[in-house]
Amino acid sequence: MIDVFAQALADGVASGALYGLIALGLSLQFGVMKIINFAHGSLLMVAMYISLWASRYLGAHSLVAVPLVAVVMFVLGFAIQRWLLEDIYRKEATREPMGILIFTTGLWIFLDNLFLVIAGPDYQVIKGDWIGRTTSVGGLMFGYPQVAGFVFSTLTTVALVVFLRHTRLGRNIRAAGQDREAASVLGIDSARVYQVSFAIGLAVLGIAGALLAPMYPVNPFVGDIFGLRAFVIVVLGGIGSIGGAFWGGILVGVIESVGAQLLPATFSEILIFGIFLAVLYFRPTGLFGLEKE
């Protein structure tokens, strides 16, 4: 019994790191731009399809496809912010434009149905010898994609934290997130910072999608459940907190995995969303967030 729970705990940590990576881009976008991107899950689905097609038509190894997907999603994110969202910012001229919430909801529905037409409703999988292999660590069994997901997710999170804290552009992004008007007075181009921030958020999401694709069948609606899970993690970890998104993902992954050993699957979901509501009510800044205006 102890071995079963140890395996469940380890599986929860591994999957939770990937959950945290999915939520990380959403947390960055909200923390800097103060927007709620309801198309986050659909954009994850787009990244998964790019990884699938890179494997199928280019013959790329799933891990080799990770930087390719990240670059494509970065460009897509820059274009979305530059040509679509920026105009809404300018028209509404508010700190938290509601138009973007409505627009990204429409983008969510549009992307899901666009890929339903392009790729069809069938579930598709990435094939590869390494995907079905397992390795033993301390007597616990892990699949190769699971190990890759944990390692890449952790490294990506650390790299983003270092970037935001120790580079000029990273400090500009943090400054614009804290006070857009004050940052503009100091000579920081907020529009360009927002473009780069949204693009980085989608690049991170692209990495998560490329890591997720070998583990889950891809279909036009696969991103919806992960997008919803990302919102839960962002609230649990603390809105705008990069480290909070990572640890929030770990928490959700552990609850999901260990809870499945004690409760029916539906009860695990009830537990996750029950904790989500409790945190939202008693500590709106999240478990790892800081009090701020």
Protein backbone atom coordinates (compact mmCIF):
# COMPACT_ATOMS: atom_id res chain seq x y z
CA MET A 1 0.00 0.00 0.00
CA ILE A 2 2.85 2.38 0.83
CA ASP A 3 4.41 1.69 -2.57
CA VAL A 4 1.10 2.49 -4.29
CA PHE A 5 0.80 5.85 -2.58
CA ALA A 6 4.48 6.63 -3.16
CA GLN A 7 3.98 5.96 -6.86
CA ALA A 8 0.80 8.07 -6.88
CA LEU A 9 2.62 10.92 -5.14
CA ALA A 10 5.51 10.79 -7.60
CA ASP A 11 3.12 10.66 -10.55
CA GLY A 12 1.26 13.64 -9.13
CA VAL A 13 4.44 15.69 -8.83
CA ALA A 14 5.48 14.80 -12.39
CA SER A 15 2.10 15.66 -13.92
CA GLY A 16 1.73 18.67 -11.63
CA ALA A 17 4.94 20.24 -12.97
CA LEU A 18 3.46 20.07 -16.47
CA TYR A 19 0.14 21.47 -15.22
CA GLY A 20 2.10 24.32 -13.67
CA LEU A 21 3.84 25.02 -16.96
CA ILE A 22 0.47 25.22 -18.73
CA ALA A 23 -0.72 27.73 -16.12
CA LEU A 24 2.53 29.68 -16.12
CA GLY A 25 1.89 31.48 -19.41
CA LEU A 26 -1.61 32.43 -18.25
CA SER A 27 -0.23 33.73 -14.96
CA LEU A 28 2.40 35.81 -16.78
CA GLN A 29 -0.19 37.37 -19.08
CA PHE A 30 -2.49 38.26 -16.21
CA GLY A 31 0.31 39.47 -13.96
CA VAL A 32 1.72 41.81 -16.59
CA MET A 33 -1.22 42.73 -18.82
CA LYS A 34 -4.10 42.23 -16.34
CA ILE A 35 -6.10 40.27 -18.92
CA ILE A 36 -8.02 37.01 -18.65
CA ASN A 37 -7.25 34.91 -21.71
CA PHE A 38 -10.12 32.46 -22.12
CA ALA A 39 -8.52 31.10 -25.31
CA HIS A 40 -5.60 29.68 -23.31
CA GLY A 41 -6.79 26.07 -23.54
CA SER A 42 -7.50 26.33 -27.26
CA LEU A 43 -4.04 27.77 -27.89
CA LEU A 44 -2.62 24.79 -25.99
CA MET A 45 -4.54 22.57 -28.39
CA VAL A 46 -2.96 24.44 -31.32
CA ALA A 47 0.51 23.77 -29.86
CA MET A 48 -0.31 20.08 -29.50
CA TYR A 49 -1.38 19.85 -33.14
CA ILE A 50 1.81 21.62 -34.27
CA SER A 51 3.83 19.02 -32.35
CA LEU A 52 1.73 16.22 -33.84
CA TRP A 53 2.20 17.50 -37.39
CA ALA A 54 5.93 18.09 -36.88
CA SER A 55 6.27 14.46 -35.82
CA ARG A 56 4.05 13.08 -38.57
CA TYR A 57 5.08 15.16 -41.60
CA LEU A 58 8.62 16.30 -40.72
CA GLY A 59 9.66 13.15 -38.90
CA ALA A 60 10.78 15.22 -35.91
CA HIS A 61 11.29 13.55 -32.55
CA SER A 62 8.77 14.83 -30.01
CA LEU A 63 11.49 16.45 -27.93
CA VAL A 64 13.15 17.98 -31.00
CA ALA A 65 9.78 19.53 -31.83
CA VAL A 66 9.66 21.37 -28.47
CA PRO A 67 11.75 24.42 -29.54
CA LEU A 68 10.03 24.46 -32.94
CA VAL A 69 6.59 24.63 -31.33
CA ALA A 70 7.81 27.28 -28.88
CA VAL A 71 9.06 29.50 -31.73
CA VAL A 72 5.83 29.12 -33.73
CA MET A 73 3.71 29.93 -30.68
CA PHE A 74 5.92 32.93 -29.83
CA VAL A 75 5.33 34.37 -33.30
CA LEU A 76 1.62 33.61 -33.06
CA GLY A 77 1.41 35.27 -29.64
CA PHE A 78 3.24 38.37 -30.85
CA ALA A 79 0.86 38.62 -33.82
CA ILE A 80 -2.28 38.17 -31.69
CA GLN A 81 -1.21 40.86 -29.25
CA ARG A 82 0.08 43.25 -31.92
CA TRP A 83 -2.76 43.00 -34.41
CA LEU A 84 -5.77 42.04 -32.31
CA LEU A 85 -5.53 42.70 -28.57
CA GLU A 86 -3.60 45.97 -28.72
CA ASP A 87 -6.41 47.76 -30.52
CA ILE A 88 -8.84 46.74 -27.79
CA TYR A 89 -6.46 48.16 -25.17
CA ARG A 90 -6.28 51.47 -27.01
CA LYS A 91 -10.03 51.76 -27.55
CA GLU A 92 -11.04 50.96 -23.99
CA ALA A 93 -8.09 52.75 -22.35
CA THR A 94 -8.64 50.94 -19.03
CA ARG A 95 -6.31 48.89 -16.86
CA GLU A 96 -8.41 45.72 -17.19
CA PRO A 97 -10.29 45.93 -20.52
CA MET A 98 -13.40 43.74 -20.53
CA GLY A 99 -13.36 43.65 -24.32
CA ILE A 100 -10.37 41.32 -24.24
CA LEU A 101 -12.27 38.84 -22.08
CA ILE A 102 -15.08 38.80 -24.64
CA PHE A 103 -12.66 38.65 -27.57
CA THR A 104 -10.64 35.72 -26.18
CA THR A 105 -13.88 33.85 -25.47
CA GLY A 106 -14.74 34.21 -29.14
CA LEU A 107 -11.20 33.19 -30.11
CA TRP A 108 -11.57 30.06 -27.97
CA ILE A 109 -14.74 28.99 -29.80
CA PHE A 110 -13.28 29.96 -33.19
CA LEU A 111 -10.08 27.93 -32.75
CA ASP A 112 -11.89 24.84 -31.47
CA ASN A 113 -14.21 24.80 -34.47
CA LEU A 114 -11.48 25.76 -36.94
CA PHE A 115 -9.41 22.74 -35.96
CA LEU A 116 -12.52 20.59 -35.96
CA VAL A 117 -12.80 21.44 -39.67
CA ILE A 118 -9.06 21.16 -40.39
CA ALA A 119 -8.15 18.06 -38.37
CA GLY A 120 -11.49 16.36 -37.89
CA PRO A 121 -13.05 15.08 -34.66
CA ASP A 122 -10.95 11.91 -34.35
CA TYR A 123 -8.37 11.46 -31.61
CA GLN A 124 -4.82 11.38 -32.98
CA VAL A 125 -1.64 10.19 -31.29
CA ILE A 126 2.07 10.77 -31.74
CA LYS A 127 3.92 7.56 -32.44
CA GLY A 128 7.46 6.76 -31.33
CA ASP A 129 9.44 3.97 -29.70
CA TRP A 130 10.38 6.10 -26.71
CA ILE A 131 6.78 7.01 -25.84
CA GLY A 132 5.92 3.56 -24.47
CA ARG A 133 9.17 3.05 -22.58
CA THR A 134 9.52 3.29 -18.81
CA THR A 135 12.36 3.75 -16.40
CA SER A 136 12.76 2.99 -12.69
CA VAL A 137 13.85 5.63 -10.19
CA GLY A 138 14.15 4.51 -6.58
CA GLY A 139 11.80 1.63 -7.21
CA LEU A 140 9.18 3.90 -8.80
CA MET A 141 8.21 3.57 -12.46
CA PHE A 142 7.99 6.52 -14.82
CA GLY A 143 7.26 6.76 -18.52
CA TYR A 144 9.85 8.53 -20.67
CA PRO A 145 7.37 11.29 -21.71
CA GLN A 146 6.49 11.76 -18.04
CA VAL A 147 10.15 12.25 -17.10
CA ALA A 148 10.70 14.60 -20.04
CA GLY A 149 7.63 16.60 -19.05
CA PHE A 150 8.84 17.06 -15.47
CA VAL A 151 12.42 17.96 -16.45
CA PHE A 152 11.51 20.40 -19.22
CA SER A 153 8.74 22.00 -17.15
CA THR A 154 11.06 22.59 -14.20
CA LEU A 155 13.86 23.96 -16.37
CA THR A 156 11.48 26.25 -18.27
CA THR A 157 10.04 27.64 -15.05
CA VAL A 158 13.50 28.30 -13.60
CA ALA A 159 14.66 29.89 -16.85
CA LEU A 160 11.65 32.23 -16.93
CA VAL A 161 12.16 33.27 -13.31
CA VAL A 162 15.84 34.03 -14.01
CA PHE A 163 14.89 35.95 -17.17
CA LEU A 164 12.34 38.13 -15.37
CA ARG A 165 14.65 38.88 -12.44
CA HIS A 166 18.04 39.29 -14.05
CA THR A 167 17.60 40.74 -17.54
CA ARG A 168 16.74 44.28 -18.58
CA LEU A 169 13.73 43.18 -20.61
CA GLY A 170 12.57 41.00 -17.75
CA ARG A 171 12.74 43.91 -15.31
CA ASN A 172 10.84 46.09 -17.80
CA ILE A 173 8.13 43.44 -17.99
CA ARG A 174 7.84 43.34 -14.20
CA ALA A 175 7.78 47.13 -13.97
CA ALA A 176 5.01 47.42 -16.58
CA GLY A 177 3.04 44.78 -14.72
CA GLN A 178 3.31 46.64 -11.42
CA ASP A 179 2.41 50.09 -12.77
CA ARG A 180 1.93 50.68 -16.48
CA GLU A 181 1.71 54.48 -16.19
CA ALA A 182 4.81 54.80 -14.03
CA ALA A 183 6.73 52.48 -16.36
CA SER A 184 5.79 54.68 -19.34
CA VAL A 185 7.04 57.77 -17.51
CA LEU A 186 10.38 55.99 -17.02
CA GLY A 187 10.67 55.42 -20.78
CA ILE A 188 9.47 51.82 -20.93
CA ASP A 189 7.47 51.07 -24.08
CA SER A 190 4.46 49.36 -22.53
CA ALA A 191 2.99 48.35 -25.88
CA ARG A 192 6.15 46.49 -26.85
CA VAL A 193 6.45 44.97 -23.39
CA TYR A 194 2.89 43.63 -23.69
CA GLN A 195 3.62 42.17 -27.13
CA VAL A 196 6.68 40.35 -25.82
CA SER A 197 4.92 39.24 -22.62
CA PHE A 198 2.00 37.71 -24.48
CA ALA A 199 4.40 36.07 -26.95
CA ILE A 200 6.51 34.61 -24.13
CA GLY A 201 3.36 33.32 -22.46
CA LEU A 202 2.39 31.47 -25.63
CA ALA A 203 5.95 30.20 -26.16
CA VAL A 204 5.83 28.65 -22.68
CA LEU A 205 2.40 27.23 -23.52
CA GLY A 206 3.89 25.84 -26.73
CA ILE A 207 6.55 23.98 -24.73
CA ALA A 208 3.82 22.56 -22.50
CA GLY A 209 1.76 21.50 -25.51
CA ALA A 210 4.72 19.76 -27.15
CA LEU A 211 5.44 17.89 -23.92
CA LEU A 212 1.78 17.00 -23.43
CA ALA A 213 1.16 15.73 -26.97
CA PRO A 214 3.00 12.38 -26.56
CA MET A 215 0.97 11.62 -23.41
CA TYR A 216 -2.57 12.56 -24.45
CA PRO A 217 -4.50 11.91 -27.68
CA VAL A 218 -4.95 15.15 -29.61
CA ASN A 219 -8.36 16.40 -30.71
CA PRO A 220 -9.88 19.87 -31.28
CA PHE A 221 -11.29 20.07 -27.76
CA VAL A 222 -8.40 18.59 -25.79
CA GLY A 223 -7.30 22.01 -24.57
CA ASP A 224 -10.59 22.89 -22.88
CA ILE A 225 -10.08 20.75 -19.77
CA PHE A 226 -6.44 21.81 -19.44
CA GLY A 227 -7.39 25.47 -19.89
CA LEU A 228 -9.91 25.16 -17.06
CA ARG A 229 -7.30 23.42 -14.92
CA ALA A 230 -4.87 26.27 -15.66
CA PHE A 231 -7.32 28.85 -14.25
CA VAL A 232 -7.66 26.78 -11.08
CA ILE A 233 -3.88 26.56 -10.70
CA VAL A 234 -3.37 30.29 -11.28
CA VAL A 235 -5.84 31.11 -8.52
CA LEU A 236 -4.37 28.51 -6.14
CA GLY A 237 -0.81 29.61 -6.75
CA GLY A 238 -1.48 33.34 -6.76
CA ILE A 239 -2.49 35.39 -9.78
CA GLY A 240 0.61 36.75 -11.50
CA SER A 241 3.02 34.61 -9.47
CA ILE A 242 5.36 32.53 -11.66
CA GLY A 243 6.57 30.37 -8.80
CA GLY A 244 3.01 30.13 -7.51
CA ALA A 245 1.84 28.69 -10.84
CA PHE A 246 4.48 25.96 -10.62
CA TRP A 247 3.69 25.00 -7.03
CA GLY A 248 -0.03 25.31 -7.66
CA GLY A 249 0.37 22.83 -10.50
CA ILE A 250 2.24 20.43 -8.22
CA LEU A 251 -0.55 20.72 -5.64
CA VAL A 252 -3.27 19.97 -8.19
CA GLY A 253 -1.29 17.09 -9.66
CA VAL A 254 -0.77 15.49 -6.25
CA ILE A 255 -4.42 15.92 -5.25
CA GLU A 256 -5.52 14.41 -8.55
CA SER A 257 -3.15 11.44 -8.40
CA VAL A 258 -3.29 10.59 -4.69
CA GLY A 259 -6.99 11.38 -4.50
CA ALA A 260 -7.66 8.82 -7.22
CA GLN A 261 -6.28 6.15 -4.87
CA LEU A 262 -8.67 7.12 -2.10
CA LEU A 263 -11.73 8.45 -3.90
CA PRO A 264 -13.58 7.90 -7.18
CA ALA A 265 -12.31 10.04 -10.04
CA THR A 266 -15.27 12.41 -9.85
CA PHE A 267 -14.64 13.02 -6.16
CA SER A 268 -11.04 14.00 -6.92
CA GLU A 269 -12.37 16.72 -9.22
CA ILE A 270 -14.82 17.84 -6.53
CA LEU A 271 -11.92 18.07 -4.05
CA ILE A 272 -9.80 20.15 -6.44
CA PHE A 273 -12.57 22.61 -7.18
CA GLY A 274 -13.64 22.68 -3.54
CA ILE A 275 -10.12 23.78 -2.56
CA PHE A 276 -10.20 26.27 -5.45
CA LEU A 277 -13.39 27.88 -4.12
CA ALA A 278 -12.10 27.91 -0.54
CA VAL A 279 -8.85 29.63 -1.56
CA LEU A 280 -10.75 32.11 -3.73
CA TYR A 281 -13.01 32.98 -0.78
CA PHE A 282 -10.57 33.03 2.13
CA ARG A 283 -7.32 34.02 0.39
CA PRO A 284 -7.96 35.65 -3.01
CA THR A 285 -4.24 36.30 -3.49
CA GLY A 286 -3.63 32.55 -3.62
CA LEU A 287 -1.60 30.20 -1.46
CA PHE A 288 1.74 31.56 -2.70
CA GLY A 289 0.73 35.09 -3.75
CA LEU A 290 1.47 38.32 -1.93
CA GLU A 291 -1.01 40.89 -0.77
CA LYS A 292 -1.10 43.80 -3.17
CA GLU A 293 -3.52 46.32 -4.59
